[in-house]
Amino acid sequence: NALVYAEVCPAVLTCSGDRTAKVWNATTGDCELTCAGHDGAVNSANATPDLKWIATASDDGTAKLWVVDGVTQVVAVACTMVGHLGALHSVTFSQDARYLVTG
């Protein structure tokens, strides 16, 4: 799958008030993937270096972990993390990509 991602790299990951995060092809400007499913603005998005996982943090108080299928170019929610009392402003992967940190 990593070779499939090479076709969309270099990539730019954006987050937006429209409740989505998007992966853009930095060469062509085309939107390659859209993560849609939050109930509030997405304030932060981060991806593993191989683009197999994307994490998002939202005004809706949740963080979502998304799994990316590089063959079909489909993204799906793998896990929704709840428990914060307010909006989330940031999310990042640990250096080994085994953990998420939110705030």
N, C-alpha and C. Protein backbone atom coordinates (compact mmCIF):
# COMPACT_ATOMS: atom_id res chain seq x y z
N ASN A 1 0.80 -1.20 0.00
CA ASN A 1 0.00 0.00 0.00
C ASN A 1 0.84 1.26 0.00
N ALA A 2 2.02 1.22 0.56
CA ALA A 2 2.84 2.43 0.65
C ALA A 2 3.15 2.99 -0.73
N LEU A 3 3.31 2.10 -1.73
CA LEU A 3 3.60 2.59 -3.07
C LEU A 3 2.41 3.33 -3.66
N VAL A 4 1.23 2.94 -3.31
CA VAL A 4 0.03 3.65 -3.77
C VAL A 4 0.04 5.07 -3.26
N TYR A 5 0.44 5.24 -1.99
CA TYR A 5 0.47 6.58 -1.41
C TYR A 5 1.50 7.46 -2.09
N ALA A 6 2.55 6.86 -2.63
CA ALA A 6 3.57 7.65 -3.32
C ALA A 6 2.96 8.42 -4.48
N GLU A 7 1.85 7.91 -5.02
CA GLU A 7 1.19 8.61 -6.13
C GLU A 7 0.54 9.91 -5.68
N VAL A 8 0.15 10.03 -4.42
CA VAL A 8 -0.48 11.26 -3.94
C VAL A 8 0.48 12.12 -3.13
N CYS A 9 1.71 11.67 -2.96
CA CYS A 9 2.68 12.45 -2.21
C CYS A 9 3.51 13.28 -3.16
N PRO A 10 3.94 14.45 -2.83
CA PRO A 10 3.73 15.06 -1.53
C PRO A 10 2.28 15.48 -1.35
N ALA A 11 1.82 15.35 -0.12
CA ALA A 11 0.42 15.65 0.18
C ALA A 11 0.34 16.75 1.23
N VAL A 12 -0.79 17.45 1.21
CA VAL A 12 -1.10 18.47 2.20
C VAL A 12 -2.39 18.05 2.89
N LEU A 13 -2.39 18.07 4.21
CA LEU A 13 -3.57 17.72 5.00
C LEU A 13 -4.14 19.00 5.59
N THR A 14 -5.43 19.25 5.33
CA THR A 14 -6.07 20.45 5.84
C THR A 14 -7.28 20.08 6.69
N CYS A 15 -7.67 21.01 7.56
CA CYS A 15 -8.89 20.85 8.35
C CYS A 15 -9.70 22.12 8.20
N SER A 16 -11.02 22.03 8.48
CA SER A 16 -11.88 23.13 8.09
C SER A 16 -13.11 23.27 8.98
N GLY A 17 -13.69 24.47 8.92
CA GLY A 17 -14.95 24.74 9.59
C GLY A 17 -16.12 24.01 8.96
N ASP A 18 -15.91 23.43 7.78
CA ASP A 18 -17.00 22.68 7.12
C ASP A 18 -17.13 21.26 7.67
N ARG A 19 -16.43 20.97 8.78
CA ARG A 19 -16.49 19.69 9.49
C ARG A 19 -15.75 18.56 8.78
N THR A 20 -14.79 18.91 7.94
CA THR A 20 -14.01 17.89 7.23
C THR A 20 -12.52 18.14 7.37
N ALA A 21 -11.77 17.10 7.08
CA ALA A 21 -10.33 17.19 6.84
C ALA A 21 -10.11 16.61 5.45
N LYS A 22 -9.16 17.16 4.74
CA LYS A 22 -8.92 16.71 3.37
C LYS A 22 -7.44 16.49 3.13
N VAL A 23 -7.15 15.51 2.28
CA VAL A 23 -5.79 15.26 1.81
C VAL A 23 -5.74 15.74 0.36
N TRP A 24 -4.82 16.66 0.11
CA TRP A 24 -4.66 17.27 -1.21
C TRP A 24 -3.35 16.83 -1.83
N ASN A 25 -3.37 16.59 -3.12
CA ASN A 25 -2.15 16.33 -3.86
C ASN A 25 -1.43 17.67 -4.02
N ALA A 26 -0.23 17.78 -3.45
CA ALA A 26 0.49 19.06 -3.48
C ALA A 26 1.00 19.41 -4.86
N THR A 27 1.07 18.46 -5.74
CA THR A 27 1.55 18.73 -7.10
C THR A 27 0.42 19.24 -7.99
N THR A 28 -0.73 18.58 -7.93
CA THR A 28 -1.84 18.93 -8.83
C THR A 28 -2.88 19.83 -8.18
N GLY A 29 -2.93 19.84 -6.84
CA GLY A 29 -3.96 20.60 -6.15
C GLY A 29 -5.28 19.87 -6.03
N ASP A 30 -5.32 18.63 -6.49
CA ASP A 30 -6.55 17.84 -6.43
C ASP A 30 -6.79 17.30 -5.03
N CYS A 31 -8.06 17.25 -4.62
CA CYS A 31 -8.43 16.63 -3.36
C CYS A 31 -8.44 15.12 -3.57
N GLU A 32 -7.63 14.42 -2.79
CA GLU A 32 -7.52 12.97 -2.94
C GLU A 32 -8.45 12.22 -1.99
N LEU A 33 -8.63 12.74 -0.75
CA LEU A 33 -9.43 12.07 0.27
C LEU A 33 -10.16 13.12 1.10
N THR A 34 -11.36 12.77 1.57
CA THR A 34 -12.10 13.63 2.49
C THR A 34 -12.54 12.82 3.69
N CYS A 35 -12.22 13.33 4.87
CA CYS A 35 -12.67 12.74 6.14
C CYS A 35 -13.87 13.55 6.60
N ALA A 36 -15.06 12.99 6.48
CA ALA A 36 -16.30 13.68 6.85
C ALA A 36 -17.04 12.85 7.88
N GLY A 37 -17.46 13.49 8.98
CA GLY A 37 -18.19 12.76 10.01
C GLY A 37 -18.26 13.46 11.34
N HIS A 38 -17.54 14.56 11.50
CA HIS A 38 -17.62 15.33 12.73
C HIS A 38 -18.89 16.18 12.73
N ASP A 39 -19.37 16.53 13.93
CA ASP A 39 -20.53 17.40 14.08
C ASP A 39 -20.14 18.85 14.35
N GLY A 40 -18.88 19.16 14.27
CA GLY A 40 -18.39 20.52 14.46
C GLY A 40 -17.17 20.74 13.60
N ALA A 41 -16.67 21.96 13.62
CA ALA A 41 -15.47 22.29 12.85
C ALA A 41 -14.33 21.37 13.23
N VAL A 42 -13.51 21.01 12.26
CA VAL A 42 -12.31 20.22 12.51
C VAL A 42 -11.16 21.21 12.71
N ASN A 43 -10.59 21.20 13.91
CA ASN A 43 -9.57 22.17 14.28
C ASN A 43 -8.15 21.69 14.06
N SER A 44 -7.96 20.39 13.98
CA SER A 44 -6.62 19.84 13.83
C SER A 44 -6.70 18.51 13.11
N ALA A 45 -5.71 18.24 12.31
CA ALA A 45 -5.61 16.95 11.62
C ALA A 45 -4.14 16.58 11.51
N ASN A 46 -3.87 15.30 11.63
CA ASN A 46 -2.51 14.81 11.57
C ASN A 46 -2.55 13.43 10.93
N ALA A 47 -1.48 13.06 10.25
CA ALA A 47 -1.43 11.76 9.58
C ALA A 47 -0.12 11.06 9.89
N THR A 48 -0.15 9.73 9.82
CA THR A 48 1.10 8.98 9.91
C THR A 48 1.88 9.22 8.62
N PRO A 49 3.20 9.08 8.66
CA PRO A 49 4.00 9.37 7.47
C PRO A 49 3.61 8.57 6.23
N ASP A 50 3.07 7.36 6.43
CA ASP A 50 2.68 6.53 5.29
C ASP A 50 1.25 6.81 4.84
N LEU A 51 0.56 7.77 5.48
CA LEU A 51 -0.82 8.14 5.16
C LEU A 51 -1.81 6.98 5.31
N LYS A 52 -1.49 6.02 6.16
CA LYS A 52 -2.43 4.92 6.40
C LYS A 52 -3.44 5.29 7.48
N TRP A 53 -3.09 6.25 8.34
CA TRP A 53 -3.96 6.68 9.42
C TRP A 53 -4.01 8.20 9.47
N ILE A 54 -5.20 8.74 9.71
CA ILE A 54 -5.39 10.18 9.90
C ILE A 54 -6.15 10.35 11.21
N ALA A 55 -5.75 11.33 11.98
CA ALA A 55 -6.45 11.67 13.22
C ALA A 55 -6.98 13.09 13.11
N THR A 56 -8.19 13.31 13.63
CA THR A 56 -8.79 14.65 13.59
C THR A 56 -9.31 15.01 14.98
N ALA A 57 -9.34 16.32 15.27
CA ALA A 57 -9.87 16.85 16.52
C ALA A 57 -10.88 17.93 16.16
N SER A 58 -12.00 17.97 16.89
CA SER A 58 -13.11 18.80 16.46
C SER A 58 -13.73 19.61 17.59
N ASP A 59 -14.45 20.66 17.19
CA ASP A 59 -15.27 21.45 18.11
C ASP A 59 -16.36 20.60 18.76
N ASP A 60 -16.70 19.46 18.16
CA ASP A 60 -17.76 18.62 18.74
C ASP A 60 -17.28 17.84 19.96
N GLY A 61 -16.02 18.05 20.37
CA GLY A 61 -15.48 17.40 21.56
C GLY A 61 -14.95 16.01 21.34
N THR A 62 -14.86 15.58 20.09
CA THR A 62 -14.35 14.24 19.80
C THR A 62 -13.08 14.31 18.96
N ALA A 63 -12.33 13.23 19.04
CA ALA A 63 -11.23 12.97 18.12
C ALA A 63 -11.61 11.72 17.35
N LYS A 64 -11.25 11.68 16.11
CA LYS A 64 -11.53 10.50 15.30
C LYS A 64 -10.23 9.98 14.70
N LEU A 65 -10.14 8.66 14.65
CA LEU A 65 -9.04 7.98 13.98
C LEU A 65 -9.62 7.38 12.71
N TRP A 66 -9.01 7.72 11.60
CA TRP A 66 -9.48 7.29 10.28
C TRP A 66 -8.46 6.34 9.68
N VAL A 67 -8.94 5.29 9.04
CA VAL A 67 -8.07 4.36 8.33
C VAL A 67 -8.23 4.64 6.84
N VAL A 68 -7.10 4.67 6.15
CA VAL A 68 -7.09 4.99 4.72
C VAL A 68 -6.77 3.74 3.93
N ASP A 69 -7.63 3.42 2.99
CA ASP A 69 -7.37 2.32 2.06
C ASP A 69 -6.73 2.93 0.82
N GLY A 70 -5.44 2.75 0.69
CA GLY A 70 -4.71 3.36 -0.42
C GLY A 70 -5.03 2.77 -1.77
N VAL A 71 -5.54 1.56 -1.81
CA VAL A 71 -5.87 0.94 -3.09
C VAL A 71 -7.15 1.55 -3.66
N THR A 72 -8.18 1.67 -2.81
CA THR A 72 -9.46 2.19 -3.29
C THR A 72 -9.61 3.69 -3.06
N GLN A 73 -8.62 4.30 -2.36
CA GLN A 73 -8.67 5.73 -2.03
C GLN A 73 -9.92 6.06 -1.22
N VAL A 74 -10.24 5.21 -0.25
CA VAL A 74 -11.39 5.39 0.62
C VAL A 74 -10.88 5.57 2.04
N VAL A 75 -11.54 6.47 2.79
CA VAL A 75 -11.20 6.70 4.19
C VAL A 75 -12.44 6.40 5.02
N ALA A 76 -12.24 5.75 6.18
CA ALA A 76 -13.36 5.37 7.05
C ALA A 76 -12.97 5.58 8.50
N VAL A 77 -13.96 5.89 9.33
CA VAL A 77 -13.71 6.07 10.76
C VAL A 77 -13.39 4.71 11.38
N ALA A 78 -12.25 4.61 12.02
CA ALA A 78 -11.87 3.39 12.74
C ALA A 78 -12.28 3.49 14.20
N CYS A 79 -12.30 4.72 14.74
CA CYS A 79 -12.58 4.90 16.15
C CYS A 79 -12.94 6.36 16.42
N THR A 80 -13.96 6.57 17.25
CA THR A 80 -14.29 7.92 17.73
C THR A 80 -14.00 7.97 19.21
N MET A 81 -13.18 8.92 19.61
CA MET A 81 -12.77 9.06 21.01
C MET A 81 -13.56 10.18 21.67
N VAL A 82 -14.25 9.85 22.75
CA VAL A 82 -15.07 10.81 23.49
C VAL A 82 -14.53 10.92 24.91
N GLY A 83 -14.93 11.98 25.60
CA GLY A 83 -14.52 12.13 26.98
C GLY A 83 -14.07 13.53 27.35
N HIS A 84 -13.72 14.33 26.36
CA HIS A 84 -13.37 15.72 26.64
C HIS A 84 -14.65 16.49 26.93
N LEU A 85 -14.54 17.52 27.75
CA LEU A 85 -15.71 18.31 28.13
C LEU A 85 -15.97 19.48 27.19
N GLY A 86 -15.08 19.74 26.28
CA GLY A 86 -15.26 20.84 25.35
C GLY A 86 -14.60 20.54 24.03
N ALA A 87 -14.42 21.59 23.25
CA ALA A 87 -13.81 21.46 21.93
C ALA A 87 -12.38 20.95 22.03
N LEU A 88 -11.98 20.21 21.03
CA LEU A 88 -10.58 19.78 20.90
C LEU A 88 -9.89 20.67 19.87
N HIS A 89 -8.70 21.10 20.21
CA HIS A 89 -7.98 22.03 19.35
C HIS A 89 -6.76 21.42 18.68
N SER A 90 -6.33 20.26 19.16
CA SER A 90 -5.15 19.65 18.56
C SER A 90 -5.17 18.14 18.72
N VAL A 91 -4.50 17.50 17.79
CA VAL A 91 -4.31 16.05 17.84
C VAL A 91 -2.99 15.74 17.13
N THR A 92 -2.25 14.79 17.70
CA THR A 92 -1.01 14.37 17.07
C THR A 92 -0.72 12.92 17.42
N PHE A 93 0.03 12.26 16.58
CA PHE A 93 0.48 10.90 16.82
C PHE A 93 1.78 10.93 17.62
N SER A 94 1.99 9.92 18.45
CA SER A 94 3.29 9.76 19.08
C SER A 94 4.30 9.43 17.98
N GLN A 95 5.58 9.54 18.32
CA GLN A 95 6.63 9.33 17.32
C GLN A 95 6.54 7.96 16.67
N ASP A 96 6.13 6.93 17.43
CA ASP A 96 6.01 5.59 16.87
C ASP A 96 4.63 5.30 16.31
N ALA A 97 3.73 6.32 16.33
CA ALA A 97 2.36 6.24 15.77
C ALA A 97 1.49 5.22 16.50
N ARG A 98 1.84 4.86 17.73
CA ARG A 98 1.03 3.91 18.50
C ARG A 98 0.00 4.61 19.38
N TYR A 99 0.20 5.90 19.63
CA TYR A 99 -0.68 6.64 20.53
C TYR A 99 -1.10 7.97 19.90
N LEU A 100 -2.26 8.46 20.35
CA LEU A 100 -2.71 9.79 19.96
C LEU A 100 -2.72 10.68 21.20
N VAL A 101 -2.37 11.93 21.01
CA VAL A 101 -2.44 12.92 22.07
C VAL A 101 -3.41 14.00 21.59
N THR A 102 -4.39 14.34 22.44
CA THR A 102 -5.38 15.34 22.09
C THR A 102 -5.39 16.46 23.12
N GLY A 103 -5.88 17.59 22.72
CA GLY A 103 -5.99 18.69 23.67
C GLY A 103 -6.83 19.81 23.13
